[in-house]
Amino acid sequence: MNAIRALNSARHLRRGAKAAREIGRRGIDDPISLIDWTPPQKAFLEDPSRLKVFRTGSQLGKTSAGLAESVQIARGRHPNQRHKPPVEVWVLTQTRSQGLSAQKKLAAMLPPRELAKGQKKWNPITGFGHHEAIVELLNGSVIRFKTCKQGGMGLSSATIHHALIDEAPEERIYAEVMLRLRATNGTLSLTFTPINRDCTYLEKLCEDGVLADLNARLTVENMTHTRSGKPRVLEDGTPVTQAWVDEQIRLSPAHEVEVTCHGAWRTTSVDRVFTAFVAETHMHDRLPEGDVDLYLGIDHGEKAGKQAAVLIAVKHHSRPDGYPIIHVLDEYRPDSITTPEQDAKAILAMLKRNDVSWKHLDGVWGDKPTGGSKDPTSKGNWDLAKALCAEMGIGNVKALHPQIRDAKRGEGTKNQRDIGIRYLHHALIRGSFAIRTRCGGLKEFFEKWKNDDRDPVKDLGDALRYSLYGLIFTKRRGPSATIRNW
C-alpha cells in the first residue's frame, strides 16, 4: 500500500513539474496569456468596436490593457483582428517620459521569439530607441512610439492599421490620427482619465456613437482579477482593498473625485473645494525657524479687489516624507482700484512688516498682464517691476533681483490651476501647510471657494498658487540662501 502511494505521489510530482515547465514556456512564448485581467480590462480587450474609449480613474490598468491590445494586433492574434500582419501600429503618449513608461510595460508583453532579428532590447534610459522608439516583429509588423507634442506635422505622411492614444489628445491630434487610419479602415483606442484637458469633443463623439465609450469606476470589484478572484496588487506591493479605495477618494479634491477616481467626463459642483481645510488646525502663528525660502506670488487685476499678492515661507528637508513645510506669512488685496505704483508700495510695506526686503526673496511669480497692450489701465509684471525699481531707487528694471517671472509661461503652464489645487489639497491633508492668523482673505478662500472663477475670493488663491510655482514646477537647486529667525 505504501509503495502504491509513493508511486502515485511520484507521478503527481512529475505531472506538476511538467505543468510548471509548460506554464514557464508559455510565459516566454506568450506573456500576455498569463496576465490575469480585471473585469474592465477584459471588457475593453474583448470589445469589437473599431473606435473606442477606455476611461477610468488612476490605477485601473487602462494603459496596460491598451498596450496588450496593440501587441496582439501586431502579432495578428487579437480576437477581433481586422488586418493580417504585417501591420503598422502607433502608440501615442503625451511626453517622452510617459512613452518610456509605456515601452517598459510593452517590453514585458513581447514574446522574444517573435521579435525581428536585430531588434533593440528595451533600455531603461533610451527605451526602444533614443529618437524614435520602434519595435519590429518577425512577421513584419511594426509598433512605433510617438508623442503628441510632435504635433500634427510629426504624425503626417503615414498609413497605419491601429493606434493607441494614451491620455486624452488635443482635437487636432485626434483628427490627424484618424486621417492616418482612413486608408486601412484601421482601429483606434483611447485610454485616459478626463483630467487636465478639455474633453468636450471626445464626450460628444461618444454621445454620437462615433466612439464606443467604456467607463469603469474605482471599486474593489473592478480591481479584482477575473481568473484568480484575487484583488489587484500595486507595483509597491499594496493590495487593493476597500480601505485603499476610500483613501484614494479622500486624497482627491472634492470636485475632482468623480473624474480622478471614477473616470467621469467632468468635475462636479461642490459646496467648497478645500474640504480638508480646518481653520483651527491650519491657521496659527508658529512660524518656521532657521533655513527657509521666501516666495511671492502676484495676481494682477484692474478692478477693485482683484489685485492680490501672497508671501510664503518654505522650509525644506524637515519632514520624514520629504515634503516641505509651507507657511503663508502675509497677504495683500486692496479694496479699491490701484495703480502699479500703489501696488509696489503696498507689497514692499508687506515685506517690511515681515522683517524682509525684496532682495531676501528667493522667487517671485506673477500673472499675465490684464487687458490689451493698448489698454491704459492694463497691469502686469513689467509695470509692477518698473514701479518697484522707482520705489527702491533702482535705475534699470533688469537690475531688479529677483525678477518677477511669468507664472503662465513655460513649464507648468498647462493645467496649472488643477495641479496647484491638488498640491494644496495634499499639503492640507499632510499637515505641511499653514496660514498666519492675520490672513483673513485666504481663510475665506479656503472656506468658501467653490471652483468658481467669478468668485472674488479666488484672486488671493491664484496669487498663492503662483507663489508655489517654484515648488510644483521647477527643481530646487542647492540649499536656500535665506536665513530667517522670526
Protein backbone atom coordinates (compact mmCIF):
# COMPACT_ATOMS: atom_id res chain seq x y z
CA MET A 1 0.00 0.00 0.00
CA ASN A 2 2.82 2.40 0.88
CA ALA A 3 4.57 1.56 -2.39
CA ILE A 4 1.40 2.42 -4.40
CA ARG A 5 1.07 5.72 -2.54
CA ALA A 6 4.73 6.52 -3.25
CA LEU A 7 4.25 5.69 -6.96
CA ASN A 8 1.15 7.90 -7.22
CA SER A 9 2.95 10.69 -5.40
CA ALA A 10 5.90 10.47 -7.80
CA ARG A 11 3.54 10.58 -10.81
CA HIS A 12 1.78 13.62 -9.30
CA LEU A 13 5.10 15.41 -8.81
CA ARG A 14 6.18 14.65 -12.39
CA ARG A 15 2.86 15.95 -13.75
CA GLY A 16 3.19 19.06 -11.60
CA ALA A 17 6.74 19.70 -12.79
CA LYS A 18 5.66 19.21 -16.42
CA ALA A 19 2.76 21.65 -15.94
CA ALA A 20 5.11 24.20 -14.36
CA ARG A 21 7.52 23.86 -17.30
CA GLU A 22 4.63 24.33 -19.73
CA ILE A 23 3.47 27.46 -17.91
CA GLY A 24 7.02 28.77 -17.98
CA ARG A 25 7.33 28.02 -21.70
CA ARG A 26 4.01 29.71 -22.46
CA GLY A 27 5.12 32.64 -20.34
CA ILE A 28 8.09 33.15 -22.65
CA ASP A 29 6.21 32.41 -25.88
CA ASP A 30 3.11 34.41 -24.93
CA PRO A 31 3.44 36.53 -21.76
CA ILE A 32 0.06 38.16 -22.35
CA SER A 33 -1.71 34.80 -21.98
CA LEU A 34 -0.60 34.69 -18.33
CA ILE A 35 -1.98 38.13 -17.42
CA ASP A 36 -4.96 37.95 -15.08
CA TRP A 37 -7.14 40.86 -16.24
CA THR A 38 -9.66 42.78 -14.18
CA PRO A 39 -13.30 42.98 -15.38
CA PRO A 40 -12.92 46.43 -17.02
CA GLN A 41 -9.68 45.41 -18.75
CA LYS A 42 -11.25 42.19 -20.01
CA ALA A 43 -14.32 44.05 -21.29
CA PHE A 44 -12.09 46.52 -23.14
CA LEU A 45 -9.95 43.80 -24.74
CA GLU A 46 -13.00 41.85 -25.89
CA ASP A 47 -14.92 44.86 -27.20
CA PRO A 48 -15.09 44.60 -31.04
CA SER A 49 -15.65 48.32 -31.68
CA ARG A 50 -13.40 49.84 -34.33
CA LEU A 51 -13.09 53.14 -32.44
CA LYS A 52 -13.33 53.09 -28.66
CA VAL A 53 -12.57 54.96 -25.45
CA PHE A 54 -11.48 53.34 -22.19
CA ARG A 55 -11.83 56.00 -19.49
CA THR A 56 -11.15 55.31 -15.84
CA GLY A 57 -9.51 56.89 -12.83
CA SER A 58 -5.91 56.12 -11.97
CA GLN A 59 -4.56 52.64 -11.18
CA LEU A 60 -7.25 50.71 -13.07
CA GLY A 61 -4.75 49.44 -15.65
CA LYS A 62 -6.10 51.20 -18.75
CA THR A 63 -2.63 51.71 -20.25
CA SER A 64 -1.67 48.06 -19.77
CA ALA A 65 -4.88 46.91 -21.48
CA GLY A 66 -4.31 49.31 -24.37
CA LEU A 67 -0.73 48.10 -24.84
CA ALA A 68 -1.75 44.44 -24.71
CA GLU A 69 -4.31 45.09 -27.44
CA SER A 70 -1.63 46.80 -29.56
CA VAL A 71 0.78 43.89 -29.16
CA GLN A 72 -1.86 41.32 -30.08
CA ILE A 73 -2.87 43.27 -33.18
CA ALA A 74 0.78 43.49 -34.25
CA ARG A 75 1.13 39.74 -33.70
CA GLY A 76 -2.07 39.02 -35.61
CA ARG A 77 -3.59 37.33 -32.56
CA HIS A 78 -6.28 39.75 -31.44
CA PRO A 79 -9.74 38.13 -31.16
CA ASN A 80 -11.17 40.96 -33.31
CA GLN A 81 -8.26 41.13 -35.76
CA ARG A 82 -9.14 43.19 -38.87
CA HIS A 83 -5.85 43.09 -40.79
CA LYS A 84 -3.36 40.30 -41.37
CA PRO A 85 0.24 41.09 -40.48
CA PRO A 86 2.38 42.88 -41.32
CA VAL A 87 0.62 45.89 -39.79
CA GLU A 88 1.70 49.34 -38.63
CA VAL A 89 0.76 50.19 -35.03
CA TRP A 90 1.25 53.51 -33.30
CA VAL A 91 1.36 54.16 -29.56
CA LEU A 92 1.00 57.86 -28.73
CA THR A 93 1.78 59.34 -25.32
CA GLN A 94 1.80 62.96 -24.17
CA THR A 95 5.51 63.11 -23.30
CA ARG A 96 8.67 61.10 -23.86
CA SER A 97 8.86 60.14 -20.17
CA GLN A 98 5.36 58.70 -20.39
CA GLY A 99 6.44 56.94 -23.55
CA LEU A 100 9.35 55.30 -21.72
CA SER A 101 6.98 54.02 -19.06
CA ALA A 102 4.67 52.59 -21.72
CA GLN A 103 7.61 50.97 -23.51
CA LYS A 104 8.63 49.24 -20.29
CA LYS A 105 5.17 47.72 -19.92
CA LEU A 106 5.05 46.70 -23.55
CA ALA A 107 8.50 45.08 -23.36
CA ALA A 108 7.19 42.67 -20.71
CA MET A 109 4.38 41.62 -23.08
CA LEU A 110 6.54 40.86 -26.12
CA PRO A 111 7.34 37.22 -26.95
CA PRO A 112 11.14 37.19 -27.55
CA ARG A 113 10.87 34.55 -30.27
CA GLU A 114 8.57 36.78 -32.32
CA LEU A 115 10.91 39.79 -32.44
CA ALA A 116 12.70 40.61 -35.68
CA LYS A 117 16.41 39.89 -35.91
CA GLY A 118 18.40 42.87 -34.77
CA GLN A 119 15.53 44.36 -32.77
CA LYS A 120 16.92 46.55 -29.98
CA LYS A 121 16.29 45.38 -26.46
CA TRP A 122 14.38 47.73 -24.18
CA ASN A 123 16.70 50.07 -22.27
CA PRO A 124 15.57 51.93 -19.12
CA ILE A 125 17.17 55.16 -20.39
CA THR A 126 16.54 55.10 -24.15
CA GLY A 127 13.62 52.64 -24.29
CA PHE A 128 13.45 51.02 -27.73
CA GLY A 129 15.27 53.96 -29.31
CA HIS A 130 16.51 57.37 -28.23
CA HIS A 131 14.91 59.38 -31.05
CA GLU A 132 12.11 57.20 -32.42
CA ALA A 133 11.24 54.07 -30.49
CA ILE A 134 10.39 51.18 -32.81
CA VAL A 135 9.57 47.53 -32.18
CA GLU A 136 9.77 45.23 -35.21
CA LEU A 137 8.29 41.75 -35.16
CA LEU A 138 9.37 38.71 -37.14
CA ASN A 139 6.09 38.83 -39.08
CA GLY A 140 6.94 42.29 -40.42
CA SER A 141 4.65 44.26 -38.11
CA VAL A 142 5.97 47.48 -36.57
CA ILE A 143 5.00 49.25 -33.33
CA ARG A 144 6.11 52.89 -33.25
CA PHE A 145 6.06 55.12 -30.19
CA LYS A 146 5.29 58.78 -30.76
CA THR A 147 4.44 61.77 -28.57
CA CYS A 148 1.53 64.14 -29.01
CA LYS A 149 3.98 67.03 -28.55
CA GLN A 150 5.26 66.28 -32.05
CA GLY A 151 2.07 67.94 -33.28
CA GLY A 152 0.10 67.16 -36.40
CA MET A 153 3.12 67.56 -38.71
CA GLY A 154 5.00 64.84 -36.83
CA LEU A 155 2.12 62.44 -37.40
CA SER A 156 1.53 63.12 -41.10
CA SER A 157 2.50 61.12 -44.18
CA ALA A 158 1.81 57.66 -42.84
CA THR A 159 -0.78 54.93 -43.20
CA ILE A 160 -1.41 52.82 -40.13
CA HIS A 161 -3.66 49.96 -39.07
CA HIS A 162 -4.08 50.63 -35.34
CA ALA A 163 -3.38 53.49 -32.97
CA LEU A 164 -3.40 53.65 -29.18
CA ILE A 165 -3.55 57.16 -27.72
CA ASP A 166 -2.75 57.03 -24.03
CA GLU A 167 -4.18 60.18 -22.37
CA ALA A 168 -6.76 62.46 -23.97
CA PRO A 169 -5.27 64.21 -27.05
CA GLU A 170 -5.92 67.66 -28.44
CA GLU A 171 -8.59 67.61 -31.12
CA ARG A 172 -6.09 68.28 -33.93
CA ILE A 173 -4.02 65.24 -32.87
CA TYR A 174 -7.14 63.05 -32.84
CA ALA A 175 -8.08 64.31 -36.32
CA GLU A 176 -4.59 63.65 -37.69
CA VAL A 177 -4.53 60.08 -36.37
CA MET A 178 -7.97 59.43 -37.87
CA LEU A 179 -6.56 60.51 -41.25
CA ARG A 180 -3.72 58.00 -40.88
CA LEU A 181 -6.31 55.24 -40.27
CA ARG A 182 -8.60 56.19 -43.16
CA ALA A 183 -6.94 54.19 -45.95
CA THR A 184 -6.88 50.96 -43.92
CA ASN A 185 -10.17 51.49 -42.09
CA GLY A 186 -7.98 50.85 -39.07
CA THR A 187 -8.79 50.74 -35.38
CA LEU A 188 -8.29 53.32 -32.64
CA SER A 189 -8.27 53.03 -28.86
CA LEU A 190 -8.05 55.96 -26.45
CA THR A 191 -7.19 55.22 -22.82
CA PHE A 192 -7.32 58.14 -20.40
CA THR A 193 -8.66 59.89 -17.34
CA PRO A 194 -10.61 63.01 -18.41
CA ILE A 195 -8.47 65.44 -16.41
CA ASN A 196 -6.04 68.25 -17.29
CA ARG A 197 -7.61 68.75 -20.74
CA ASP A 198 -10.95 69.79 -22.19
CA CYS A 199 -12.51 66.51 -23.33
CA THR A 200 -15.78 68.01 -24.58
CA TYR A 201 -15.19 66.94 -28.19
CA LEU A 202 -14.46 63.34 -27.11
CA GLU A 203 -17.57 63.27 -24.93
CA LYS A 204 -19.62 64.47 -27.92
CA LEU A 205 -18.12 61.77 -30.16
CA CYS A 206 -19.09 59.16 -27.58
CA GLU A 207 -22.61 60.55 -27.24
CA ASP A 208 -23.00 60.49 -31.04
CA GLY A 209 -21.87 56.87 -31.18
CA VAL A 210 -18.69 57.58 -33.15
CA LEU A 211 -16.60 56.23 -30.28
CA ALA A 212 -17.66 53.29 -28.10
CA ASP A 213 -17.49 54.53 -24.51
CA LEU A 214 -16.20 52.06 -21.91
CA ASN A 215 -16.11 53.55 -18.41
CA ALA A 216 -15.02 51.87 -15.17
CA ARG A 217 -15.41 53.28 -11.67
CA LEU A 218 -12.85 52.78 -8.92
CA THR A 219 -14.27 49.90 -6.88
CA VAL A 220 -12.82 46.79 -5.29
CA GLU A 221 -14.84 44.68 -7.74
CA ASN A 222 -13.28 46.44 -10.73
CA MET A 223 -9.82 45.91 -9.21
CA THR A 224 -10.26 42.17 -8.67
CA HIS A 225 -8.76 39.72 -11.16
CA THR A 226 -11.23 37.65 -13.19
CA ARG A 227 -9.17 34.45 -13.32
CA SER A 228 -7.91 34.13 -9.75
CA GLY A 229 -10.58 36.16 -7.98
CA LYS A 230 -7.81 37.95 -6.05
CA PRO A 231 -7.57 41.74 -5.65
CA ARG A 232 -5.04 43.57 -7.74
CA VAL A 233 -1.67 44.25 -6.09
CA LEU A 234 0.00 47.54 -6.96
CA GLU A 235 3.64 47.80 -8.03
CA ASP A 236 4.73 48.67 -4.49
CA GLY A 237 3.04 45.51 -3.15
CA THR A 238 -0.09 47.22 -1.81
CA PRO A 239 -3.24 45.10 -2.25
CA VAL A 240 -6.39 46.91 -3.34
CA THR A 241 -8.91 46.88 -0.51
CA GLN A 242 -11.93 49.00 0.32
CA ALA A 243 -9.75 50.97 2.71
CA TRP A 244 -7.33 51.72 -0.16
CA VAL A 245 -10.20 52.84 -2.42
CA ASP A 246 -11.54 55.09 0.34
CA GLU A 247 -8.09 56.63 0.81
CA GLN A 248 -7.79 57.45 -2.91
CA ILE A 249 -11.14 59.24 -2.73
CA ARG A 250 -10.03 61.16 0.36
CA LEU A 251 -6.82 62.26 -1.35
CA SER A 252 -8.70 63.76 -4.30
CA PRO A 253 -10.12 67.29 -4.10
CA ALA A 254 -13.90 67.02 -3.62
CA HIS A 255 -14.80 68.46 -7.03
CA GLU A 256 -12.39 66.08 -8.84
CA VAL A 257 -13.35 62.76 -7.22
CA GLU A 258 -15.74 61.71 -9.99
CA VAL A 259 -13.03 62.36 -12.60
CA THR A 260 -9.78 61.27 -10.94
CA CYS A 261 -11.26 58.21 -9.24
CA HIS A 262 -14.16 57.18 -11.45
CA GLY A 263 -13.27 58.49 -14.90
CA ALA A 264 -16.25 60.85 -15.25
CA TRP A 265 -16.20 63.40 -18.05
CA ARG A 266 -16.20 66.49 -15.83
CA THR A 267 -15.76 67.73 -12.30
CA THR A 268 -18.80 68.23 -10.07
CA SER A 269 -20.19 71.22 -8.21
CA VAL A 270 -19.34 71.25 -4.51
CA ASP A 271 -20.05 73.47 -1.54
CA ARG A 272 -16.30 74.02 -1.14
CA VAL A 273 -13.21 72.71 -2.89
CA PHE A 274 -10.85 72.54 0.08
CA THR A 275 -12.82 70.26 2.39
CA ALA A 276 -9.59 69.31 4.17
CA PHE A 277 -9.07 72.86 5.45
CA VAL A 278 -9.82 73.36 9.15
CA ALA A 279 -9.13 76.86 10.43
CA GLU A 280 -8.37 75.68 13.97
CA THR A 281 -5.70 73.35 12.61
CA HIS A 282 -4.27 75.15 9.61
CA MET A 283 -4.22 78.74 10.92
CA HIS A 284 -1.57 79.58 13.52
CA ASP A 285 1.45 81.82 14.09
CA ARG A 286 4.05 79.14 14.85
CA LEU A 287 6.39 80.26 12.08
CA PRO A 288 9.22 78.10 10.71
CA GLU A 289 12.67 78.85 12.06
CA GLY A 290 16.12 78.72 10.53
CA ASP A 291 16.76 77.97 6.87
CA VAL A 292 13.73 78.95 4.77
CA ASP A 293 12.95 80.08 1.25
CA LEU A 294 10.72 83.10 0.72
CA TYR A 295 8.42 83.25 -2.30
CA LEU A 296 6.00 85.88 -3.54
CA GLY A 297 3.01 85.29 -5.83
CA ILE A 298 1.16 88.13 -7.57
CA ASP A 299 -2.23 88.14 -9.31
CA HIS A 300 -2.85 91.29 -11.36
CA GLY A 301 -6.28 92.91 -11.58
CA GLU A 302 -7.74 96.16 -12.86
CA LYS A 303 -10.96 96.16 -10.86
CA ALA A 304 -11.43 96.80 -7.16
CA GLY A 305 -10.31 93.84 -5.04
CA LYS A 306 -8.77 91.98 -7.99
CA GLN A 307 -5.10 92.75 -7.30
CA ALA A 308 -3.52 90.28 -4.88
CA ALA A 309 -0.15 89.18 -3.53
CA VAL A 310 0.84 86.39 -1.16
CA LEU A 311 4.12 85.91 0.72
CA ILE A 312 5.09 82.41 1.84
CA ALA A 313 7.96 80.82 3.76
CA VAL A 314 9.07 77.31 2.82
CA LYS A 315 11.17 75.05 5.00
CA HIS A 316 12.77 72.19 3.08
CA HIS A 317 14.11 68.82 4.26
CA SER A 318 12.41 68.92 7.66
CA ARG A 319 9.79 66.19 7.21
CA PRO A 320 10.42 62.42 7.05
CA ASP A 321 8.27 62.16 3.90
CA GLY A 322 10.44 64.72 2.10
CA TYR A 323 7.70 67.29 1.57
CA PRO A 324 8.41 70.91 2.53
CA ILE A 325 6.58 72.82 5.25
CA ILE A 326 4.73 75.81 3.77
CA HIS A 327 3.57 78.74 5.87
CA VAL A 328 1.70 81.71 4.42
CA LEU A 329 3.16 84.79 6.08
CA ASP A 330 1.05 87.59 4.68
CA GLU A 331 -1.38 88.70 2.00
CA TYR A 332 -2.18 91.88 0.09
CA ARG A 333 -5.56 92.60 -1.54
CA PRO A 334 -6.70 96.23 -1.75
CA ASP A 335 -10.41 97.02 -1.68
CA SER A 336 -10.11 99.76 -4.30
CA ILE A 337 -8.68 100.08 -7.80
CA THR A 338 -4.90 100.55 -7.61
CA THR A 339 -2.05 101.62 -9.86
CA PRO A 340 1.21 99.67 -10.22
CA GLU A 341 2.89 102.36 -8.11
CA GLN A 342 0.39 101.83 -5.29
CA ASP A 343 0.81 98.06 -5.54
CA ALA A 344 4.59 98.39 -5.38
CA LYS A 345 4.45 100.49 -2.21
CA ALA A 346 1.95 98.13 -0.56
CA ILE A 347 3.95 94.99 -1.43
CA LEU A 348 7.17 96.49 -0.10
CA ALA A 349 5.31 97.51 3.07
CA MET A 350 4.04 93.94 3.43
CA LEU A 351 7.61 92.64 3.16
CA LYS A 352 8.84 95.18 5.69
CA ARG A 353 6.27 94.21 8.33
CA ASN A 354 7.57 90.64 7.98
CA ASP A 355 11.15 91.87 8.52
CA VAL A 356 12.28 91.08 4.96
CA SER A 357 13.10 93.11 1.87
CA TRP A 358 12.84 92.39 -1.85
CA LYS A 359 16.42 91.07 -2.02
CA HIS A 360 15.54 88.39 0.57
CA LEU A 361 13.03 86.77 -1.79
CA ASP A 362 14.07 83.50 -3.41
CA GLY A 363 11.49 83.67 -6.19
CA VAL A 364 8.66 85.87 -7.47
CA TRP A 365 5.97 84.82 -9.95
CA GLY A 366 3.22 86.97 -11.40
CA ASP A 367 0.16 86.55 -13.60
CA LYS A 368 -0.12 87.59 -17.24
CA PRO A 369 -0.92 91.27 -17.88
CA THR A 370 -4.55 92.32 -17.63
CA GLY A 371 -6.30 93.91 -20.60
CA GLY A 372 -4.74 94.55 -24.01
CA SER A 373 -1.41 96.11 -24.94
CA LYS A 374 -3.11 99.44 -25.77
CA ASP A 375 -5.26 99.48 -22.65
CA PRO A 376 -4.05 102.33 -20.39
CA THR A 377 -5.38 100.52 -17.31
CA SER A 378 -3.51 97.27 -18.12
CA LYS A 379 -1.29 95.95 -15.32
CA GLY A 380 1.39 93.29 -15.49
CA ASN A 381 4.75 92.09 -14.21
CA TRP A 382 6.70 94.69 -16.21
CA ASP A 383 4.56 97.57 -14.91
CA LEU A 384 4.97 96.41 -11.33
CA ALA A 385 8.71 95.84 -11.78
CA LYS A 386 9.19 99.42 -13.04
CA ALA A 387 7.21 100.75 -10.07
CA LEU A 388 9.23 98.65 -7.63
CA CYS A 389 12.51 99.91 -9.11
CA ALA A 390 11.34 103.51 -8.82
CA GLU A 391 10.33 102.93 -5.21
CA MET A 392 13.63 101.25 -4.30
CA GLY A 393 15.85 103.60 -6.31
CA ILE A 394 16.96 101.00 -8.86
CA GLY A 395 17.76 102.64 -12.20
CA ASN A 396 17.26 99.63 -14.50
CA VAL A 397 14.45 97.06 -14.35
CA LYS A 398 16.93 94.37 -15.37
CA ALA A 399 18.85 95.08 -12.17
CA LEU A 400 15.85 94.08 -10.06
CA HIS A 401 16.68 90.89 -8.20
CA PRO A 402 14.85 88.62 -8.10
CA GLN A 403 13.00 89.32 -11.33
CA ILE A 404 9.23 88.85 -11.49
CA ARG A 405 8.82 85.70 -13.57
CA ASP A 406 5.76 84.84 -15.65
CA ALA A 407 3.76 82.10 -13.93
CA LYS A 408 1.85 81.38 -17.13
CA ARG A 409 4.81 80.71 -19.41
CA GLY A 410 6.93 77.62 -19.98
CA GLU A 411 6.94 74.60 -17.73
CA GLY A 412 3.74 74.16 -15.76
CA THR A 413 1.60 76.47 -17.90
CA LYS A 414 -0.94 73.86 -18.96
CA ASN A 415 -3.33 72.60 -16.29
CA GLN A 416 -1.60 74.85 -13.77
CA ARG A 417 -4.69 75.61 -11.75
CA ASP A 418 -5.79 71.98 -11.36
CA ILE A 419 -2.27 70.88 -10.45
CA GLY A 420 -1.98 73.69 -7.92
CA ILE A 421 -5.32 72.81 -6.32
CA ARG A 422 -4.24 69.19 -5.90
CA TYR A 423 -0.91 70.27 -4.43
CA LEU A 424 -2.66 72.45 -1.84
CA HIS A 425 -5.21 69.74 -1.04
CA HIS A 426 -2.50 67.16 -0.37
CA ALA A 427 -0.47 69.66 1.68
CA LEU A 428 -3.53 70.29 3.88
CA ILE A 429 -4.04 66.55 4.38
CA ARG A 430 -0.34 66.01 5.19
CA GLY A 431 -0.39 68.84 7.72
CA SER A 432 2.52 70.54 5.95
CA PHE A 433 0.63 73.75 5.17
CA ALA A 434 -0.43 76.60 7.45
CA ILE A 435 -1.64 80.19 7.26
CA ARG A 436 -0.80 83.03 9.61
CA THR A 437 -3.87 84.15 11.56
CA ARG A 438 -3.87 87.64 10.08
CA CYS A 439 -4.52 86.25 6.57
CA GLY A 440 -8.32 86.58 6.68
CA GLY A 441 -8.70 86.74 2.92
CA LEU A 442 -7.08 83.33 2.38
CA LYS A 443 -9.15 81.90 5.23
CA GLU A 444 -12.24 82.97 3.31
CA PHE A 445 -10.82 81.44 0.12
CA PHE A 446 -10.22 78.03 1.69
CA GLU A 447 -13.56 78.00 3.48
CA LYS A 448 -15.79 79.28 0.68
CA TRP A 449 -14.30 78.77 -2.78
CA LYS A 450 -16.49 76.51 -4.96
CA ASN A 451 -14.23 76.31 -8.03
CA ASP A 452 -15.96 79.36 -9.48
CA ASP A 453 -13.72 81.77 -11.43
CA ARG A 454 -16.23 84.57 -10.88
CA ASP A 455 -15.92 84.32 -7.10
CA PRO A 456 -13.96 87.34 -5.77
CA VAL A 457 -12.21 85.16 -3.17
CA LYS A 458 -10.29 83.33 -5.90
CA ASP A 459 -7.74 86.09 -6.61
CA LEU A 460 -5.79 85.53 -3.39
CA GLY A 461 -5.95 81.80 -4.15
CA ASP A 462 -4.42 82.45 -7.57
CA ALA A 463 -1.63 84.52 -6.01
CA LEU A 464 -0.99 81.68 -3.56
CA ARG A 465 -0.71 79.15 -6.38
CA TYR A 466 1.74 81.41 -8.21
CA SER A 467 3.89 81.64 -5.07
CA LEU A 468 4.10 77.83 -5.13
CA TYR A 469 5.30 77.69 -8.74
CA GLY A 470 8.90 77.02 -7.77
CA LEU A 471 7.86 74.08 -5.58
CA ILE A 472 5.47 72.47 -8.04
CA PHE A 473 7.01 73.01 -11.45
CA THR A 474 10.76 73.55 -11.03
CA LYS A 475 13.55 71.61 -9.39
CA ARG A 476 15.10 73.30 -6.38
CA ARG A 477 18.88 73.57 -6.73
CA GLY A 478 21.01 73.58 -3.60
CA PRO A 479 20.27 74.92 -0.13
CA SER A 480 18.43 78.14 0.50
CA ALA A 481 20.45 81.33 0.81
CA THR A 482 17.89 82.92 3.10
CA ILE A 483 18.25 82.51 6.86
CA ARG A 484 15.33 83.92 8.78
CA ASN A 485 14.74 83.71 12.52
CA TRP A 486 11.28 85.02 13.22
